[in-house]
């Protein structure tokens, strides 16, 4: 059984946003854009950093943070943020591609008579695994 803690909270420790005080990525991004447009760069930066605490995989936020840092003359840090945004976008596209090219889905499409879609999906799988014997055999069978 867990005992209740008697320690008081440390006011200097920053806590992550909670549902009751978190407006969400979209609203936070809108607020950051408004701050940026009124040249309140520090406020915009703080808002974006707050978003990243809650949603660190948002490439748009990383890119905007890069623009703000670039505006402030911090080219090196800005470039790091741009690279982070590119990396997240690339990772997202790769995951979408992998999800779109799955063998079970290709088999279901084949069974449903959607032969061309199944062959296309199998071709995508063969691009990533050109030596996979099972995929090669299936490809040969589906070409007949």
Protein backbone atom coordinates (compact mmCIF):
# COMPACT_ATOMS: atom_id res chain seq x y z
CA UNK A 1 0.00 0.00 0.00
CA UNK A 2 1.31 3.44 -0.87
CA UNK A 3 1.67 6.07 1.82
CA UNK A 4 0.71 9.67 1.18
CA UNK A 5 3.61 12.05 0.82
CA UNK A 6 3.98 14.81 3.38
CA UNK A 7 6.46 16.77 1.24
CA UNK A 8 5.25 20.13 0.01
CA UNK A 9 5.49 20.89 -3.71
CA UNK A 10 8.60 22.68 -4.90
CA UNK A 11 7.42 25.97 -6.48
CA UNK A 12 10.58 26.25 -8.59
CA UNK A 13 9.84 23.00 -10.43
CA UNK A 14 7.96 23.68 -13.63
CA UNK A 15 5.12 21.26 -14.20
CA UNK A 16 3.89 20.04 -17.56
CA UNK A 17 0.68 21.56 -18.85
CA UNK A 18 -2.43 19.82 -17.61
CA UNK A 19 -5.73 19.45 -19.42
CA UNK A 20 -7.38 22.19 -17.36
CA UNK A 21 -4.71 24.77 -18.23
CA UNK A 22 -3.68 23.54 -21.67
CA UNK A 23 -5.35 25.13 -24.68
CA UNK A 24 -3.94 22.62 -27.14
CA UNK A 25 -1.41 22.76 -29.94
CA UNK A 26 -3.66 24.60 -32.39
CA UNK A 27 -4.65 27.36 -29.97
CA UNK A 28 -1.10 27.69 -28.67
CA UNK A 29 0.19 27.97 -32.21
CA UNK A 30 -2.35 30.70 -33.00
CA UNK A 31 -1.27 32.62 -29.89
CA UNK A 32 2.40 32.26 -30.86
CA UNK A 33 1.70 33.53 -34.39
CA UNK A 34 -0.13 36.56 -32.99
CA UNK A 35 2.77 37.30 -30.64
CA UNK A 36 5.21 36.94 -33.56
CA UNK A 37 3.16 39.30 -35.73
CA UNK A 38 3.21 41.95 -33.00
CA UNK A 39 6.98 41.50 -32.67
CA UNK A 40 6.68 39.97 -29.19
CA UNK A 41 9.34 37.43 -30.07
CA UNK A 42 10.09 36.39 -26.50
CA UNK A 43 6.39 35.77 -25.82
CA UNK A 44 6.07 33.77 -29.05
CA UNK A 45 9.15 31.75 -28.12
CA UNK A 46 7.77 31.03 -24.64
CA UNK A 47 4.43 29.90 -26.08
CA UNK A 48 6.14 27.59 -28.57
CA UNK A 49 8.39 26.14 -25.87
CA UNK A 50 5.26 25.48 -23.82
CA UNK A 51 3.71 23.63 -26.75
CA UNK A 52 6.85 21.54 -27.15
CA UNK A 53 6.73 20.51 -23.50
CA UNK A 54 3.34 18.98 -24.17
CA UNK A 55 3.74 17.92 -27.82
CA UNK A 56 7.44 17.56 -28.72
CA UNK A 57 6.73 15.87 -32.06
CA UNK A 58 5.12 18.89 -33.74
CA UNK A 59 7.38 19.82 -36.69
CA UNK A 60 5.51 23.07 -37.40
CA UNK A 61 6.28 24.31 -33.89
CA UNK A 62 9.98 23.43 -34.22
CA UNK A 63 10.12 25.28 -37.55
CA UNK A 64 8.44 28.40 -36.15
CA UNK A 65 10.74 28.35 -33.17
CA UNK A 66 13.61 28.24 -35.67
CA UNK A 67 12.21 31.32 -37.44
CA UNK A 68 11.97 33.20 -34.17
CA UNK A 69 15.52 32.30 -33.19
CA UNK A 70 16.68 33.32 -36.66
CA UNK A 71 14.92 36.68 -36.21
CA UNK A 72 16.80 37.08 -32.94
CA UNK A 73 20.10 36.38 -34.71
CA UNK A 74 20.74 32.91 -33.27
CA UNK A 75 21.46 31.15 -36.58
CA UNK A 76 23.06 28.06 -35.05
CA UNK A 77 20.16 27.27 -32.74
CA UNK A 78 17.66 28.16 -35.48
CA UNK A 79 19.30 25.65 -37.82
CA UNK A 80 19.09 22.96 -35.13
CA UNK A 81 15.36 23.61 -34.82
CA UNK A 82 14.88 23.52 -38.60
CA UNK A 83 16.71 20.20 -38.74
CA UNK A 84 14.52 18.83 -35.94
CA UNK A 85 11.41 19.84 -37.90
CA UNK A 86 12.74 18.17 -41.06
CA UNK A 87 13.58 15.03 -39.11
CA UNK A 88 10.08 14.83 -37.63
CA UNK A 89 8.48 15.36 -41.04
CA UNK A 90 10.70 12.70 -42.59
CA UNK A 91 9.90 10.25 -39.79
CA UNK A 92 6.18 10.94 -40.21
CA UNK A 93 6.33 10.29 -43.96
CA UNK A 94 8.29 7.09 -43.39
CA UNK A 95 5.73 5.82 -40.87
CA UNK A 96 2.87 6.65 -43.23
CA UNK A 97 4.64 4.84 -46.04
CA UNK A 98 5.24 1.78 -43.88
CA UNK A 99 1.63 1.76 -42.73
CA UNK A 100 0.40 2.08 -46.30
CA UNK A 101 2.58 -0.82 -47.44
CA UNK A 102 1.71 -3.69 -45.19
CA UNK A 103 1.58 -7.30 -46.30
CA UNK A 104 -1.65 -8.17 -44.46
CA UNK A 105 -3.41 -5.23 -46.10
CA UNK A 106 -2.05 -6.24 -49.51
CA UNK A 107 -3.42 -9.76 -49.00
CA UNK A 108 -6.82 -8.41 -47.99
CA UNK A 109 -6.90 -6.22 -51.09
CA UNK A 110 -5.99 -9.24 -53.23
CA UNK A 111 -8.74 -11.34 -51.65
CA UNK A 112 -11.26 -8.55 -52.27
CA UNK A 113 -10.37 -8.52 -55.93
CA UNK A 114 -8.46 -5.23 -55.83
CA UNK A 115 -5.54 -6.78 -57.69
CA UNK A 116 -3.80 -3.61 -58.86
CA UNK A 117 -3.84 -2.02 -55.39
CA UNK A 118 -2.50 -5.24 -53.88
CA UNK A 119 0.30 -5.42 -56.46
CA UNK A 120 1.20 -1.76 -55.85
CA UNK A 121 1.39 -2.30 -52.11
CA UNK A 122 3.52 -5.41 -52.60
CA UNK A 123 5.82 -3.44 -54.91
CA UNK A 124 6.25 -0.86 -52.14
CA UNK A 125 7.19 -3.60 -49.71
CA UNK A 126 9.71 -5.01 -52.19
CA UNK A 127 11.39 -1.60 -52.42
CA UNK A 128 12.18 -1.75 -48.71
CA UNK A 129 12.91 -5.51 -48.65
CA UNK A 130 14.10 -6.51 -52.14
CA UNK A 131 15.64 -9.80 -50.96
CA UNK A 132 12.62 -11.03 -48.99
CA UNK A 133 11.93 -14.49 -50.43
CA UNK A 134 8.29 -14.58 -49.31
CA UNK A 135 7.58 -11.21 -50.93
CA UNK A 136 9.32 -12.29 -54.14
CA UNK A 137 7.30 -15.52 -54.31
CA UNK A 138 4.06 -13.67 -53.65
CA UNK A 139 4.93 -11.10 -56.32
CA UNK A 140 5.58 -13.86 -58.85
CA UNK A 141 2.30 -15.57 -57.95
CA UNK A 142 0.32 -12.35 -58.25
CA UNK A 143 1.79 -11.53 -61.66
CA UNK A 144 0.37 -14.72 -63.20
